[in-house]
Amino acid sequence: GSELVGMIPRRALLDVGRKLHPADGDLPEDALIPEAIAYLGLDALKPFEPTERILEHALDCGDLI
């Protein structure tokens, strides 16, 4: 597994998801993110909470203030 210290930009996960599925260009973003999380092993050590660990999600929720 992998451990992420801090937060990750949403785009980084989307880029990984698109690399994993290059032929599926129309795959929705919400499907790419879980694929990237699993591939990177971000949920192997403990559950990966997107609302807490993806930068844009935390900003939308106001959790950083």
C-alpha atoms as a PDB file:
ATOM      1  CA  GLY A   1       0.000   0.000   0.000  1.00  0.00           C
ATOM      2  CA  SER A   2       0.854   3.643  -0.031  1.00  0.00           C
ATOM      3  CA  GLU A   3       0.448   6.364   2.519  1.00  0.00           C
ATOM      4  CA  LEU A   4      -0.459   9.898   1.559  1.00  0.00           C
ATOM      5  CA  VAL A   5       0.769  12.565   3.941  1.00  0.00           C
ATOM      6  CA  GLY A   6      -1.464  15.578   3.550  1.00  0.00           C
ATOM      7  CA  MET A   7      -3.834  16.099   0.655  1.00  0.00           C
ATOM      8  CA  ILE A   8      -3.839  15.270  -3.040  1.00  0.00           C
ATOM      9  CA  PRO A   9      -5.215  17.365  -5.904  1.00  0.00           C
ATOM     10  CA  ARG A  10      -8.228  15.820  -7.644  1.00  0.00           C
ATOM     11  CA  ARG A  11      -6.514  16.204 -10.996  1.00  0.00           C
ATOM     12  CA  ALA A  12      -3.648  13.937  -9.932  1.00  0.00           C
ATOM     13  CA  LEU A  13      -6.081  11.109  -9.211  1.00  0.00           C
ATOM     14  CA  LEU A  14      -7.950  11.755 -12.461  1.00  0.00           C
ATOM     15  CA  ASP A  15      -4.666  11.595 -14.392  1.00  0.00           C
ATOM     16  CA  VAL A  16      -3.881   8.201 -12.860  1.00  0.00           C
ATOM     17  CA  GLY A  17      -7.398   6.956 -13.616  1.00  0.00           C
ATOM     18  CA  ARG A  18      -7.111   8.076 -17.247  1.00  0.00           C
ATOM     19  CA  LYS A  19      -3.744   6.338 -17.609  1.00  0.00           C
ATOM     20  CA  LEU A  20      -5.352   3.136 -16.344  1.00  0.00           C
ATOM     21  CA  HIS A  21      -8.238   3.415 -18.847  1.00  0.00           C
ATOM     22  CA  PRO A  22      -6.877   5.157 -21.962  1.00  0.00           C
ATOM     23  CA  ALA A  23      -9.480   3.594 -24.280  1.00  0.00           C
ATOM     24  CA  ASP A  24     -12.393   4.664 -22.063  1.00  0.00           C
ATOM     25  CA  GLY A  25     -12.169   8.391 -22.676  1.00  0.00           C
ATOM     26  CA  ASP A  26     -15.788   8.921 -21.725  1.00  0.00           C
ATOM     27  CA  LEU A  27     -15.539   7.209 -18.321  1.00  0.00           C
ATOM     28  CA  PRO A  28     -17.028   9.547 -15.673  1.00  0.00           C
ATOM     29  CA  GLU A  29     -14.644  11.222 -13.267  1.00  0.00           C
ATOM     30  CA  ASP A  30     -16.397   9.642 -10.286  1.00  0.00           C
ATOM     31  CA  ALA A  31     -15.436   6.222 -11.658  1.00  0.00           C
ATOM     32  CA  LEU A  32     -11.804   7.176 -12.316  1.00  0.00           C
ATOM     33  CA  ILE A  33     -11.033   8.362  -8.788  1.00  0.00           C
ATOM     34  CA  PRO A  34     -11.801   5.062  -6.984  1.00  0.00           C
ATOM     35  CA  GLU A  35      -9.767   3.216  -9.638  1.00  0.00           C
ATOM     36  CA  ALA A  36      -6.795   5.513  -9.006  1.00  0.00           C
ATOM     37  CA  ILE A  37      -7.119   5.174  -5.226  1.00  0.00           C
ATOM     38  CA  ALA A  38      -7.114   1.380  -5.507  1.00  0.00           C
ATOM     39  CA  TYR A  39      -4.229   1.316  -8.007  1.00  0.00           C
ATOM     40  CA  LEU A  40      -2.058   3.568  -5.851  1.00  0.00           C
ATOM     41  CA  GLY A  41      -2.908   1.541  -2.753  1.00  0.00           C
ATOM     42  CA  LEU A  42      -4.093   4.609  -0.873  1.00  0.00           C
ATOM     43  CA  ASP A  43      -6.770   2.576   0.892  1.00  0.00           C
ATOM     44  CA  ALA A  44      -4.567  -0.419   1.746  1.00  0.00           C
ATOM     45  CA  LEU A  45      -3.446   0.795   5.172  1.00  0.00           C
ATOM     46  CA  LYS A  46      -6.654   2.560   6.189  1.00  0.00           C
ATOM     47  CA  PRO A  47      -9.775   3.763   4.411  1.00  0.00           C
ATOM     48  CA  PHE A  48      -9.144   6.676   2.052  1.00  0.00           C
ATOM     49  CA  GLU A  49     -11.733   9.388   2.730  1.00  0.00           C
ATOM     50  CA  PRO A  50     -12.033  11.543  -0.427  1.00  0.00           C
ATOM     51  CA  THR A  51     -13.821  14.364   1.411  1.00  0.00           C
ATOM     52  CA  GLU A  52     -10.857  14.638   3.787  1.00  0.00           C
ATOM     53  CA  ARG A  53      -7.917  13.795   1.527  1.00  0.00           C
ATOM     54  CA  ILE A  54      -8.748  15.317  -1.880  1.00  0.00           C
ATOM     55  CA  LEU A  55      -7.913  19.002  -1.771  1.00  0.00           C
ATOM     56  CA  GLU A  56     -10.871  20.279  -3.782  1.00  0.00           C
ATOM     57  CA  HIS A  57     -13.365  18.221  -1.767  1.00  0.00           C
ATOM     58  CA  ALA A  58     -12.045  19.644   1.495  1.00  0.00           C
ATOM     59  CA  LEU A  59     -12.167  23.173   0.103  1.00  0.00           C
ATOM     60  CA  ASP A  60     -15.780  22.696  -1.025  1.00  0.00           C
ATOM     61  CA  CYS A  61     -16.751  21.443   2.435  1.00  0.00           C
ATOM     62  CA  GLY A  62     -14.856  24.204   4.226  1.00  0.00           C
ATOM     63  CA  ASP A  63     -12.935  21.654   6.315  1.00  0.00           C
ATOM     64  CA  LEU A  64      -9.633  23.486   5.981  1.00  0.00           C
ATOM     65  CA  ILE A  65     -10.689  26.549   7.956  1.00  0.00           C
END
